[in-house]
Amino acid sequence: FNDMLYQMAKQLRQDLPGISRDLLERQLKATLPGARQCGSCGFGPVEHYACGDLLSHHNERRGMASINNACPKCGWFSAQISQWPEWNGIVHSDCIAQAPATNCSRQGRKGKGRGK
């Protein structure tokens, strides 16, 4: 999902040079109404779909892929989607600016809000 978020931000910056962060956040919030955020570091949006029991498929292998329902930034995990707070609409600065987005998910820095 982080790759998709990065690609969306990159495309919007190409289509609309100088796009504001606020506009990006509003568009993502409208596009992802059920998005959640990490209960530890606040990273979001995180989109879990198809099943509210996140433990049931966590670390499951599907072909060459592995399902990881933990926070892509800090690794926090909670088994039920209801335990993940609703996304507050804030996209972390380090994830917007970095390429590829998977780098930002491996930094593991703690903090809530923009750029922390």
PDB file of N, CA and C in Angstrom:
ATOM      1  N   PHE A   1       0.813  -1.194   0.000  1.00  0.00           N
ATOM      2  CA  PHE A   1       0.000   0.000   0.000  1.00  0.00           C
ATOM      3  C   PHE A   1       0.860   1.263   0.000  1.00  0.00           C
ATOM      4  N   ASN A   2       2.016   1.210   0.684  1.00  0.00           N
ATOM      5  CA  ASN A   2       2.885   2.390   0.716  1.00  0.00           C
ATOM      6  C   ASN A   2       3.369   2.750  -0.671  1.00  0.00           C
ATOM      7  N   ASP A   3       3.642   1.743  -1.491  1.00  0.00           N
ATOM      8  CA  ASP A   3       4.059   2.020  -2.860  1.00  0.00           C
ATOM      9  C   ASP A   3       2.950   2.748  -3.613  1.00  0.00           C
ATOM     10  N   MET A   4       1.704   2.320  -3.399  1.00  0.00           N
ATOM     11  CA  MET A   4       0.579   2.963  -4.063  1.00  0.00           C
ATOM     12  C   MET A   4       0.442   4.414  -3.587  1.00  0.00           C
ATOM     13  N   LEU A   5       0.597   4.659  -2.285  1.00  0.00           N
ATOM     14  CA  LEU A   5       0.525   6.007  -1.745  1.00  0.00           C
ATOM     15  C   LEU A   5       1.609   6.878  -2.370  1.00  0.00           C
ATOM     16  N   TYR A   6       2.818   6.371  -2.446  1.00  0.00           N
ATOM     17  CA  TYR A   6       3.916   7.126  -3.048  1.00  0.00           C
ATOM     18  C   TYR A   6       3.616   7.427  -4.510  1.00  0.00           C
ATOM     19  N   GLN A   7       3.129   6.436  -5.254  1.00  0.00           N
ATOM     20  CA  GLN A   7       2.844   6.636  -6.674  1.00  0.00           C
ATOM     21  C   GLN A   7       1.744   7.676  -6.880  1.00  0.00           C
ATOM     22  N   MET A   8       0.724   7.652  -6.017  1.00  0.00           N
ATOM     23  CA  MET A   8      -0.344   8.644  -6.116  1.00  0.00           C
ATOM     24  C   MET A   8       0.215  10.046  -5.877  1.00  0.00           C
ATOM     25  N   ALA A   9       1.044  10.191  -4.840  1.00  0.00           N
ATOM     26  CA  ALA A   9       1.626  11.500  -4.538  1.00  0.00           C
ATOM     27  C   ALA A   9       2.533  11.958  -5.673  1.00  0.00           C
ATOM     28  N   LYS A  10       3.314  11.043  -6.207  1.00  0.00           N
ATOM     29  CA  LYS A  10       4.225  11.376  -7.309  1.00  0.00           C
ATOM     30  C   LYS A  10       3.437  11.827  -8.538  1.00  0.00           C
ATOM     31  N   GLN A  11       2.372  11.100  -8.869  1.00  0.00           N
ATOM     32  CA  GLN A  11       1.562  11.447 -10.035  1.00  0.00           C
ATOM     33  C   GLN A  11       0.882  12.797  -9.845  1.00  0.00           C
ATOM     34  N   LEU A  12       0.378  13.050  -8.647  1.00  0.00           N
ATOM     35  CA  LEU A  12      -0.264  14.338  -8.395  1.00  0.00           C
ATOM     36  C   LEU A  12       0.737  15.480  -8.511  1.00  0.00           C
ATOM     37  N   ARG A  13       1.976  15.271  -8.032  1.00  0.00           N
ATOM     38  CA  ARG A  13       2.988  16.324  -8.157  1.00  0.00           C
ATOM     39  C   ARG A  13       3.345  16.566  -9.616  1.00  0.00           C
ATOM     40  N   GLN A  14       3.331  15.502 -10.445  1.00  0.00           N
ATOM     41  CA  GLN A  14       3.631  15.674 -11.866  1.00  0.00           C
ATOM     42  C   GLN A  14       2.487  16.390 -12.571  1.00  0.00           C
ATOM     43  N   ASP A  15       1.262  15.978 -12.240  1.00  0.00           N
ATOM     44  CA  ASP A  15       0.093  16.577 -12.883  1.00  0.00           C
ATOM     45  C   ASP A  15      -0.147  18.011 -12.421  1.00  0.00           C
ATOM     46  N   LEU A  16       0.133  18.269 -11.159  1.00  0.00           N
ATOM     47  CA  LEU A  16      -0.115  19.578 -10.561  1.00  0.00           C
ATOM     48  C   LEU A  16       1.121  20.032  -9.802  1.00  0.00           C
ATOM     49  N   PRO A  17       2.104  20.570 -10.512  1.00  0.00           N
ATOM     50  CA  PRO A  17       3.315  21.009  -9.810  1.00  0.00           C
ATOM     51  C   PRO A  17       2.965  21.953  -8.664  1.00  0.00           C
ATOM     52  N   GLY A  18       3.613  21.746  -7.543  1.00  0.00           N
ATOM     53  CA  GLY A  18       3.358  22.597  -6.385  1.00  0.00           C
ATOM     54  C   GLY A  18       2.128  22.178  -5.593  1.00  0.00           C
ATOM     55  N   ILE A  19       1.620  20.983  -5.829  1.00  0.00           N
ATOM     56  CA  ILE A  19       0.437  20.531  -5.090  1.00  0.00           C
ATOM     57  C   ILE A  19       0.703  20.640  -3.588  1.00  0.00           C
ATOM     58  N   SER A  20      -0.257  21.110  -2.895  1.00  0.00           N
ATOM     59  CA  SER A  20      -0.075  21.293  -1.464  1.00  0.00           C
ATOM     60  C   SER A  20      -0.295  19.985  -0.723  1.00  0.00           C
ATOM     61  N   ARG A  21       0.374  19.884   0.375  1.00  0.00           N
ATOM     62  CA  ARG A  21       0.225  18.720   1.242  1.00  0.00           C
ATOM     63  C   ARG A  21      -1.223  18.597   1.720  1.00  0.00           C
ATOM     64  N   ASP A  22      -1.837  19.728   2.047  1.00  0.00           N
ATOM     65  CA  ASP A  22      -3.223  19.704   2.515  1.00  0.00           C
ATOM     66  C   ASP A  22      -4.158  19.116   1.459  1.00  0.00           C
ATOM     67  N   LEU A  23      -3.941  19.491   0.212  1.00  0.00           N
ATOM     68  CA  LEU A  23      -4.776  18.961  -0.864  1.00  0.00           C
ATOM     69  C   LEU A  23      -4.587  17.453  -0.986  1.00  0.00           C
ATOM     70  N   LEU A  24      -3.343  16.995  -0.946  1.00  0.00           N
ATOM     71  CA  LEU A  24      -3.068  15.560  -1.009  1.00  0.00           C
ATOM     72  C   LEU A  24      -3.771  14.827   0.128  1.00  0.00           C
ATOM     73  N   GLU A  25      -3.662  15.360   1.338  1.00  0.00           N
ATOM     74  CA  GLU A  25      -4.293  14.709   2.491  1.00  0.00           C
ATOM     75  C   GLU A  25      -5.813  14.685   2.353  1.00  0.00           C
ATOM     76  N   ARG A  26      -6.402  15.773   1.880  1.00  0.00           N
ATOM     77  CA  ARG A  26      -7.864  15.801   1.691  1.00  0.00           C
ATOM     78  C   ARG A  26      -8.299  14.781   0.645  1.00  0.00           C
ATOM     79  N   GLN A  27      -7.532  14.692  -0.450  1.00  0.00           N
ATOM     80  CA  GLN A  27      -7.884  13.738  -1.504  1.00  0.00           C
ATOM     81  C   GLN A  27      -7.763  12.300  -1.025  1.00  0.00           C
ATOM     82  N   LEU A  28      -6.704  11.999  -0.294  1.00  0.00           N
ATOM     83  CA  LEU A  28      -6.548  10.643   0.237  1.00  0.00           C
ATOM     84  C   LEU A  28      -7.649  10.322   1.244  1.00  0.00           C
ATOM     85  N   LYS A  29      -7.987  11.272   2.096  1.00  0.00           N
ATOM     86  CA  LYS A  29      -9.040  11.056   3.095  1.00  0.00           C
ATOM     87  C   LYS A  29     -10.370  10.761   2.402  1.00  0.00           C
ATOM     88  N   ALA A  30     -10.652  11.464   1.316  1.00  0.00           N
ATOM     89  CA  ALA A  30     -11.891  11.235   0.573  1.00  0.00           C
ATOM     90  C   ALA A  30     -11.857   9.892  -0.170  1.00  0.00           C
ATOM     91  N   THR A  31     -10.686   9.520  -0.653  1.00  0.00           N
ATOM     92  CA  THR A  31     -10.544   8.280  -1.420  1.00  0.00           C
ATOM     93  C   THR A  31     -10.532   7.050  -0.528  1.00  0.00           C
ATOM     94  N   LEU A  32     -10.032   7.195   0.697  1.00  0.00           N
ATOM     95  CA  LEU A  32      -9.872   6.060   1.615  1.00  0.00           C
ATOM     96  C   LEU A  32     -10.666   6.289   2.902  1.00  0.00           C
ATOM     97  N   PRO A  33     -11.982   6.307   2.815  1.00  0.00           N
ATOM     98  CA  PRO A  33     -12.787   6.658   3.985  1.00  0.00           C
ATOM     99  C   PRO A  33     -12.660   5.693   5.166  1.00  0.00           C
ATOM    100  N   GLY A  34     -12.278   4.455   4.936  1.00  0.00           N
ATOM    101  CA  GLY A  34     -12.161   3.487   6.028  1.00  0.00           C
ATOM    102  C   GLY A  34     -10.734   3.254   6.480  1.00  0.00           C
ATOM    103  N   ALA A  35      -9.816   4.110   6.053  1.00  0.00           N
ATOM    104  CA  ALA A  35      -8.400   3.906   6.378  1.00  0.00           C
ATOM    105  C   ALA A  35      -8.158   4.017   7.875  1.00  0.00           C
ATOM    106  N   ARG A  36      -7.153   3.308   8.328  1.00  0.00           N
ATOM    107  CA  ARG A  36      -6.753   3.309   9.739  1.00  0.00           C
ATOM    108  C   ARG A  36      -5.340   3.848   9.857  1.00  0.00           C
ATOM    109  N   GLN A  37      -4.903   4.016  11.092  1.00  0.00           N
ATOM    110  CA  GLN A  37      -3.525   4.421  11.333  1.00  0.00           C
ATOM    111  C   GLN A  37      -2.963   3.567  12.463  1.00  0.00           C
ATOM    112  N   CYS A  38      -1.646   3.553  12.542  1.00  0.00           N
ATOM    113  CA  CYS A  38      -0.948   2.775  13.556  1.00  0.00           C
ATOM    114  C   CYS A  38      -1.307   3.285  14.951  1.00  0.00           C
ATOM    115  N   GLY A  39      -1.549   2.358  15.855  1.00  0.00           N
ATOM    116  CA  GLY A  39      -1.861   2.721  17.226  1.00  0.00           C
ATOM    117  C   GLY A  39      -0.639   3.104  18.034  1.00  0.00           C
ATOM    118  N   SER A  40       0.548   2.922  17.475  1.00  0.00           N
ATOM    119  CA  SER A  40       1.770   3.270  18.183  1.00  0.00           C
ATOM    120  C   SER A  40       2.401   4.557  17.645  1.00  0.00           C
ATOM    121  N   CYS A  41       2.715   4.595  16.356  1.00  0.00           N
ATOM    122  CA  CYS A  41       3.431   5.751  15.795  1.00  0.00           C
ATOM    123  C   CYS A  41       2.518   6.708  15.025  1.00  0.00           C
ATOM    124  N   GLY A  42       1.267   6.324  14.769  1.00  0.00           N
ATOM    125  CA  GLY A  42       0.332   7.198  14.066  1.00  0.00           C
ATOM    126  C   GLY A  42       0.451   7.161  12.558  1.00  0.00           C
ATOM    127  N   PHE A  43       1.298   6.284  12.014  1.00  0.00           N
ATOM    128  CA  PHE A  43       1.483   6.202  10.573  1.00  0.00           C
ATOM    129  C   PHE A  43       0.168   5.850   9.884  1.00  0.00           C
ATOM    130  N   GLY A  44      -0.123   6.542   8.806  1.00  0.00           N
ATOM    131  CA  GLY A  44      -1.314   6.258   8.042  1.00  0.00           C
ATOM    132  C   GLY A  44      -1.265   6.994   6.717  1.00  0.00           C
ATOM    133  N   PRO A  45      -2.115   6.698   5.793  1.00  0.00           N
ATOM    134  CA  PRO A  45      -3.199   5.741   5.950  1.00  0.00           C
ATOM    135  C   PRO A  45      -2.717   4.301   5.784  1.00  0.00           C
ATOM    136  N   VAL A  46      -3.326   3.425   6.557  1.00  0.00           N
ATOM    137  CA  VAL A  46      -3.131   1.984   6.422  1.00  0.00           C
ATOM    138  C   VAL A  46      -4.492   1.425   6.046  1.00  0.00           C
ATOM    139  N   GLU A  47      -4.532   0.688   4.978  1.00  0.00           N
ATOM    140  CA  GLU A  47      -5.808   0.153   4.510  1.00  0.00           C
ATOM    141  C   GLU A  47      -5.818  -1.359   4.653  1.00  0.00           C
ATOM    142  N   HIS A  48      -6.528  -1.821   5.667  1.00  0.00           N
ATOM    143  CA  HIS A  48      -6.761  -3.251   5.841  1.00  0.00           C
ATOM    144  C   HIS A  48      -8.145  -3.514   5.274  1.00  0.00           C
ATOM    145  N   TYR A  49      -8.278  -4.538   4.476  1.00  0.00           N
ATOM    146  CA  TYR A  49      -9.573  -4.793   3.869  1.00  0.00           C
ATOM    147  C   TYR A  49      -9.840  -6.290   3.826  1.00  0.00           C
ATOM    148  N   ALA A  50     -11.068  -6.633   3.621  1.00  0.00           N
ATOM    149  CA  ALA A  50     -11.547  -7.999   3.406  1.00  0.00           C
ATOM    150  C   ALA A  50     -11.774  -8.789   4.687  1.00  0.00           C
ATOM    151  N   CYS A  51     -11.084  -8.445   5.779  1.00  0.00           N
ATOM    152  CA  CYS A  51     -11.251  -9.239   6.994  1.00  0.00           C
ATOM    153  C   CYS A  51     -10.837  -8.407   8.199  1.00  0.00           C
ATOM    154  N   GLY A  52     -11.674  -8.347   9.206  1.00  0.00           N
ATOM    155  CA  GLY A  52     -11.359  -7.598  10.410  1.00  0.00           C
ATOM    156  C   GLY A  52     -10.431  -8.329  11.359  1.00  0.00           C
ATOM    157  N   ASP A  53     -10.264  -9.657  11.150  1.00  0.00           N
ATOM    158  CA  ASP A  53      -9.367 -10.463  11.973  1.00  0.00           C
ATOM    159  C   ASP A  53      -7.990 -10.466  11.322  1.00  0.00           C
ATOM    160  N   LEU A  54      -7.151  -9.512  11.705  1.00  0.00           N
ATOM    161  CA  LEU A  54      -5.858  -9.336  11.055  1.00  0.00           C
ATOM    162  C   LEU A  54      -4.874 -10.452  11.372  1.00  0.00           C
ATOM    163  N   LEU A  55      -5.119 -11.175  12.452  1.00  0.00           N
ATOM    164  CA  LEU A  55      -4.232 -12.278  12.813  1.00  0.00           C
ATOM    165  C   LEU A  55      -4.435 -13.494  11.906  1.00  0.00           C
ATOM    166  N   SER A  56      -5.647 -13.651  11.372  1.00  0.00           N
ATOM    167  CA  SER A  56      -5.958 -14.851  10.596  1.00  0.00           C
ATOM    168  C   SER A  56      -5.087 -15.021   9.351  1.00  0.00           C
ATOM    169  N   HIS A  57      -4.616 -13.926   8.771  1.00  0.00           N
ATOM    170  CA  HIS A  57      -3.768 -14.037   7.573  1.00  0.00           C
ATOM    171  C   HIS A  57      -2.371 -13.443   7.775  1.00  0.00           C
ATOM    172  N   HIS A  58      -2.102 -12.931   8.969  1.00  0.00           N
ATOM    173  CA  HIS A  58      -0.806 -12.306   9.239  1.00  0.00           C
ATOM    174  C   HIS A  58       0.327 -13.317   9.035  1.00  0.00           C
ATOM    175  N   ASN A  59       1.312 -12.928   8.255  1.00  0.00           N
ATOM    176  CA  ASN A  59       2.479 -13.760   7.901  1.00  0.00           C
ATOM    177  C   ASN A  59       2.128 -14.947   7.007  1.00  0.00           C
ATOM    178  N   GLU A  60       0.937 -14.949   6.459  1.00  0.00           N
ATOM    179  CA  GLU A  60       0.538 -16.007   5.518  1.00  0.00           C
ATOM    180  C   GLU A  60       1.292 -15.822   4.204  1.00  0.00           C
ATOM    181  N   ARG A  61       1.721 -16.916   3.611  1.00  0.00           N
ATOM    182  CA  ARG A  61       2.417 -16.872   2.323  1.00  0.00           C
ATOM    183  C   ARG A  61       1.413 -17.141   1.216  1.00  0.00           C
ATOM    184  N   ARG A  62       1.507 -16.350   0.154  1.00  0.00           N
ATOM    185  CA  ARG A  62       0.680 -16.534  -1.043  1.00  0.00           C
ATOM    186  C   ARG A  62       1.615 -16.461  -2.232  1.00  0.00           C
ATOM    187  N   GLY A  63       2.007 -17.597  -2.740  1.00  0.00           N
ATOM    188  CA  GLY A  63       2.976 -17.628  -3.816  1.00  0.00           C
ATOM    189  C   GLY A  63       4.289 -17.066  -3.322  1.00  0.00           C
ATOM    190  N   MET A  64       4.784 -16.041  -3.989  1.00  0.00           N
ATOM    191  CA  MET A  64       6.046 -15.402  -3.605  1.00  0.00           C
ATOM    192  C   MET A  64       5.825 -14.267  -2.599  1.00  0.00           C
ATOM    193  N   ALA A  65       4.578 -13.954  -2.296  1.00  0.00           N
ATOM    194  CA  ALA A  65       4.274 -12.834  -1.396  1.00  0.00           C
ATOM    195  C   ALA A  65       3.955 -13.339   0.010  1.00  0.00           C
ATOM    196  N   SER A  66       4.136 -12.445   0.951  1.00  0.00           N
ATOM    197  CA  SER A  66       3.798 -12.723   2.340  1.00  0.00           C
ATOM    198  C   SER A  66       2.918 -11.587   2.844  1.00  0.00           C
ATOM    199  N   ILE A  67       1.841 -11.921   3.526  1.00  0.00           N
ATOM    200  CA  ILE A  67       0.925 -10.914   4.062  1.00  0.00           C
ATOM    201  C   ILE A  67       1.456 -10.447   5.410  1.00  0.00           C
ATOM    202  N   ASN A  68       1.591  -9.134   5.546  1.00  0.00           N
ATOM    203  CA  ASN A  68       2.054  -8.547   6.794  1.00  0.00           C
ATOM    204  C   ASN A  68       1.050  -7.473   7.190  1.00  0.00           C
ATOM    205  N   ASN A  69       0.296  -7.715   8.240  1.00  0.00           N
ATOM    206  CA  ASN A  69      -0.719  -6.774   8.698  1.00  0.00           C
ATOM    207  C   ASN A  69      -0.215  -5.845   9.793  1.00  0.00           C
ATOM    208  N   ALA A  70       1.091  -5.801  10.016  1.00  0.00           N
ATOM    209  CA  ALA A  70       1.680  -4.890  10.999  1.00  0.00           C
ATOM    210  C   ALA A  70       1.868  -3.512  10.378  1.00  0.00           C
ATOM    211  N   CYS A  71       2.108  -2.521  11.220  1.00  0.00           N
ATOM    212  CA  CYS A  71       2.397  -1.176  10.731  1.00  0.00           C
ATOM    213  C   CYS A  71       3.642  -1.223   9.858  1.00  0.00           C
ATOM    214  N   PRO A  72       3.576  -0.686   8.643  1.00  0.00           N
ATOM    215  CA  PRO A  72       4.743  -0.725   7.765  1.00  0.00           C
ATOM    216  C   PRO A  72       5.870   0.192   8.221  1.00  0.00           C
ATOM    217  N   LYS A  73       5.604   1.077   9.155  1.00  0.00           N
ATOM    218  CA  LYS A  73       6.652   1.987   9.619  1.00  0.00           C
ATOM    219  C   LYS A  73       7.349   1.487  10.878  1.00  0.00           C
ATOM    220  N   CYS A  74       6.589   1.116  11.906  1.00  0.00           N
ATOM    221  CA  CYS A  74       7.208   0.746  13.188  1.00  0.00           C
ATOM    222  C   CYS A  74       7.032  -0.725  13.563  1.00  0.00           C
ATOM    223  N   GLY A  75       6.173  -1.452  12.841  1.00  0.00           N
ATOM    224  CA  GLY A  75       5.980  -2.872  13.124  1.00  0.00           C
ATOM    225  C   GLY A  75       4.906  -3.184  14.153  1.00  0.00           C
ATOM    226  N   TRP A  76       4.236  -2.152  14.706  1.00  0.00           N
ATOM    227  CA  TRP A  76       3.165  -2.388  15.687  1.00  0.00           C
ATOM    228  C   TRP A  76       2.088  -3.254  15.052  1.00  0.00           C
ATOM    229  N   PHE A  77       1.497  -4.146  15.855  1.00  0.00           N
ATOM    230  CA  PHE A  77       0.460  -5.035  15.340  1.00  0.00           C
ATOM    231  C   PHE A  77      -0.632  -5.188  16.381  1.00  0.00           C
ATOM    232  N   SER A  78      -1.849  -5.180  15.920  1.00  0.00           N
ATOM    233  CA  SER A  78      -3.001  -5.524  16.735  1.00  0.00           C
ATOM    234  C   SER A  78      -3.884  -6.430  15.905  1.00  0.00           C
ATOM    235  N   ALA A  79      -4.366  -7.485  16.505  1.00  0.00           N
ATOM    236  CA  ALA A  79      -5.049  -8.555  15.780  1.00  0.00           C
ATOM    237  C   ALA A  79      -6.405  -8.168  15.193  1.00  0.00           C
ATOM    238  N   GLN A  80      -7.071  -7.184  15.754  1.00  0.00           N
ATOM    239  CA  GLN A  80      -8.398  -6.797  15.285  1.00  0.00           C
ATOM    240  C   GLN A  80      -8.362  -5.398  14.677  1.00  0.00           C
ATOM    241  N   ILE A  81      -8.986  -5.227  13.538  1.00  0.00           N
ATOM    242  CA  ILE A  81      -9.021  -3.927  12.865  1.00  0.00           C
ATOM    243  C   ILE A  81      -9.649  -2.858  13.770  1.00  0.00           C
ATOM    244  N   SER A  82     -10.561  -3.255  14.619  1.00  0.00           N
ATOM    245  CA  SER A  82     -11.213  -2.295  15.519  1.00  0.00           C
ATOM    246  C   SER A  82     -10.228  -1.685  16.511  1.00  0.00           C
ATOM    247  N   GLN A  83      -9.078  -2.309  16.706  1.00  0.00           N
ATOM    248  CA  GLN A  83      -8.069  -1.785  17.625  1.00  0.00           C
ATOM    249  C   GLN A  83      -7.118  -0.803  16.950  1.00  0.00           C
ATOM    250  N   TRP A  84      -7.241  -0.662  15.626  1.00  0.00           N
ATOM    251  CA  TRP A  84      -6.456   0.332  14.878  1.00  0.00           C
ATOM    252  C   TRP A  84      -7.281   1.615  14.828  1.00  0.00           C
ATOM    253  N   PRO A  85      -6.749   2.741  15.302  1.00  0.00           N
ATOM    254  CA  PRO A  85      -7.520   3.999  15.256  1.00  0.00           C
ATOM    255  C   PRO A  85      -7.849   4.396  13.820  1.00  0.00           C
ATOM    256  N   GLU A  86      -8.966   5.114  13.670  1.00  0.00           N
ATOM    257  CA  GLU A  86      -9.279   5.662  12.348  1.00  0.00           C
ATOM    258  C   GLU A  86      -8.196   6.655  11.970  1.00  0.00           C
ATOM    259  N   TRP A  87      -7.855   6.682  10.677  1.00  0.00           N
ATOM    260  CA  TRP A  87      -6.802   7.565  10.191  1.00  0.00           C
ATOM    261  C   TRP A  87      -7.197   9.014  10.388  1.00  0.00           C
ATOM    262  N   ASN A  88      -6.281   9.811  10.918  1.00  0.00           N
ATOM    263  CA  ASN A  88      -6.550  11.220  11.206  1.00  0.00           C
ATOM    264  C   ASN A  88      -6.357  12.127   9.992  1.00  0.00           C
ATOM    265  N   GLY A  89      -5.975  11.572   8.856  1.00  0.00           N
ATOM    266  CA  GLY A  89      -5.831  12.354   7.633  1.00  0.00           C
ATOM    267  C   GLY A  89      -4.458  12.961   7.430  1.00  0.00           C
ATOM    268  N   ILE A  90      -3.524  12.678   8.324  1.00  0.00           N
ATOM    269  CA  ILE A  90      -2.176  13.241   8.209  1.00  0.00           C
ATOM    270  C   ILE A  90      -1.239  12.232   7.560  1.00  0.00           C
ATOM    271  N   VAL A  91      -0.567  12.663   6.480  1.00  0.00           N
ATOM    272  CA  VAL A  91       0.435  11.846   5.812  1.00  0.00           C
ATOM    273  C   VAL A  91       1.798  12.313   6.309  1.00  0.00           C
ATOM    274  N   HIS A  92       2.628  11.388   6.767  1.00  0.00           N
ATOM    275  CA  HIS A  92       3.945  11.738   7.290  1.00  0.00           C
ATOM    276  C   HIS A  92       4.837  12.302   6.194  1.00  0.00           C
ATOM    277  N   SER A  93       5.558  13.359   6.514  1.00  0.00           N
ATOM    278  CA  SER A  93       6.446  14.038   5.561  1.00  0.00           C
ATOM    279  C   SER A  93       7.464  13.101   4.948  1.00  0.00           C
ATOM    280  N   ASP A  94       8.063  12.253   5.761  1.00  0.00           N
ATOM    281  CA  ASP A  94       9.114  11.379   5.258  1.00  0.00           C
ATOM    282  C   ASP A  94       8.590  10.407   4.219  1.00  0.00           C
ATOM    283  N   CYS A  95       7.334  10.085   4.247  1.00  0.00           N
ATOM    284  CA  CYS A  95       6.766   9.153   3.269  1.00  0.00           C
ATOM    285  C   CYS A  95       6.385   9.854   1.970  1.00  0.00           C
ATOM    286  N   ILE A  96       6.074  11.117   2.029  1.00  0.00           N
ATOM    287  CA  ILE A  96       5.754  11.863   0.811  1.00  0.00           C
ATOM    288  C   ILE A  96       7.031  12.154   0.039  1.00  0.00           C
ATOM    289  N   ALA A  97       8.084  12.514   0.741  1.00  0.00           N
ATOM    290  CA  ALA A  97       9.308  12.972   0.095  1.00  0.00           C
ATOM    291  C   ALA A  97      10.214  11.854  -0.384  1.00  0.00           C
ATOM    292  N   GLN A  98      10.147  10.682   0.221  1.00  0.00           N
ATOM    293  CA  GLN A  98      11.093   9.626  -0.112  1.00  0.00           C
ATOM    294  C   GLN A  98      10.637   8.765  -1.262  1.00  0.00           C
ATOM    295  N   ALA A  99      11.614   8.205  -1.965  1.00  0.00           N
ATOM    296  CA  ALA A  99      11.358   7.236  -3.014  1.00  0.00           C
ATOM    297  C   ALA A  99      12.353   6.117  -2.861  1.00  0.00           C
ATOM    298  N   PRO A 100      11.964   4.883  -2.948  1.00  0.00           N
ATOM    299  CA  PRO A 100      10.584   4.418  -2.949  1.00  0.00           C
ATOM    300  C   PRO A 100       9.969   4.499  -1.557  1.00  0.00           C
ATOM    301  N   ALA A 101       8.654   4.411  -1.506  1.00  0.00           N
ATOM    302  CA  ALA A 101       7.944   4.563  -0.241  1.00  0.00           C
ATOM    303  C   ALA A 101       8.307   3.468   0.751  1.00  0.00           C
ATOM    304  N   THR A 102       8.742   2.314   0.284  1.00  0.00           N
ATOM    305  CA  THR A 102       9.078   1.246   1.208  1.00  0.00           C
ATOM    306  C   THR A 102      10.241   1.646   2.097  1.00  0.00           C
ATOM    307  N   ASN A 103      11.088   2.599   1.675  1.00  0.00           N
ATOM    308  CA  ASN A 103      12.165   3.067   2.542  1.00  0.00           C
ATOM    309  C   ASN A 103      11.600   3.727   3.781  1.00  0.00           C
ATOM    310  N   CYS A 104      10.528   4.488   3.634  1.00  0.00           N
ATOM    311  CA  CYS A 104       9.975   5.170   4.793  1.00  0.00           C
ATOM    312  C   CYS A 104       9.372   4.160   5.751  1.00  0.00           C
ATOM    313  N   SER A 105       8.917   3.034   5.258  1.00  0.00           N
ATOM    314  CA  SER A 105       8.316   2.047   6.143  1.00  0.00           C
ATOM    315  C   SER A 105       9.361   1.301   6.950  1.00  0.00           C
ATOM    316  N   ARG A 106      10.619   1.410   6.570  1.00  0.00           N
ATOM    317  CA  ARG A 106      11.665   0.689   7.282  1.00  0.00           C
ATOM    318  C   ARG A 106      12.430   1.573   8.250  1.00  0.00           C
ATOM    319  N   GLN A 107      12.092   2.843   8.324  1.00  0.00           N
ATOM    320  CA  GLN A 107      12.847   3.728   9.194  1.00  0.00           C
ATOM    321  C   GLN A 107      12.581   3.445  10.664  1.00  0.00           C
ATOM    322  N   GLY A 108      11.340   3.086  10.988  1.00  0.00           N
ATOM    323  CA  GLY A 108      11.013   2.713  12.345  1.00  0.00           C
ATOM    324  C   GLY A 108      11.048   3.851  13.351  1.00  0.00           C
ATOM    325  N   ARG A 109      11.018   5.100  12.911  1.00  0.00           N
ATOM    326  CA  ARG A 109      11.014   6.210  13.850  1.00  0.00           C
ATOM    327  C   ARG A 109       9.645   6.331  14.492  1.00  0.00           C
ATOM    328  N   LYS A 110       9.630   6.657  15.765  1.00  0.00           N
ATOM    329  CA  LYS A 110       8.379   6.823  16.499  1.00  0.00           C
ATOM    330  C   LYS A 110       7.967   8.287  16.488  1.00  0.00           C
ATOM    331  N   GLY A 111       6.657   8.515  16.636  1.00  0.00           N
ATOM    332  CA  GLY A 111       6.160   9.887  16.739  1.00  0.00           C
ATOM    333  C   GLY A 111       4.850  10.025  16.027  1.00  0.00           C
ATOM    334  N   LYS A 112       4.047  10.957  16.495  1.00  0.00           N
ATOM    335  CA  LYS A 112       2.752  11.168  15.878  1.00  0.00           C
ATOM    336  C   LYS A 112       2.759  12.492  15.143  1.00  0.00           C
ATOM    337  N   GLY A 113       1.971  12.548  14.091  1.00  0.00           N
ATOM    338  CA  GLY A 113       1.797  13.792  13.378  1.00  0.00           C
ATOM    339  C   GLY A 113       2.778  13.935  12.240  1.00  0.00           C
ATOM    340  N   ARG A 114       2.810  15.124  11.689  1.00  0.00           N
ATOM    341  CA  ARG A 114       3.601  15.393  10.497  1.00  0.00           C
ATOM    342  C   ARG A 114       5.091  15.377  10.795  1.00  0.00           C
ATOM    343  N   GLY A 115       5.802  14.590   9.978  1.00  0.00           N
ATOM    344  CA  GLY A 115       7.245  14.629   9.972  1.00  0.00           C
ATOM    345  C   GLY A 115       7.926  14.201  11.256  1.00  0.00           C
ATOM    346  N   LYS A 116       7.267  13.489  12.102  1.00  0.00           N
ATOM    347  CA  LYS A 116       7.888  13.059  13.356  1.00  0.00           C
ATOM    348  C   LYS A 116       8.221  11.601  13.293  1.00  0.00           C
TER     349      LYS A 116
END
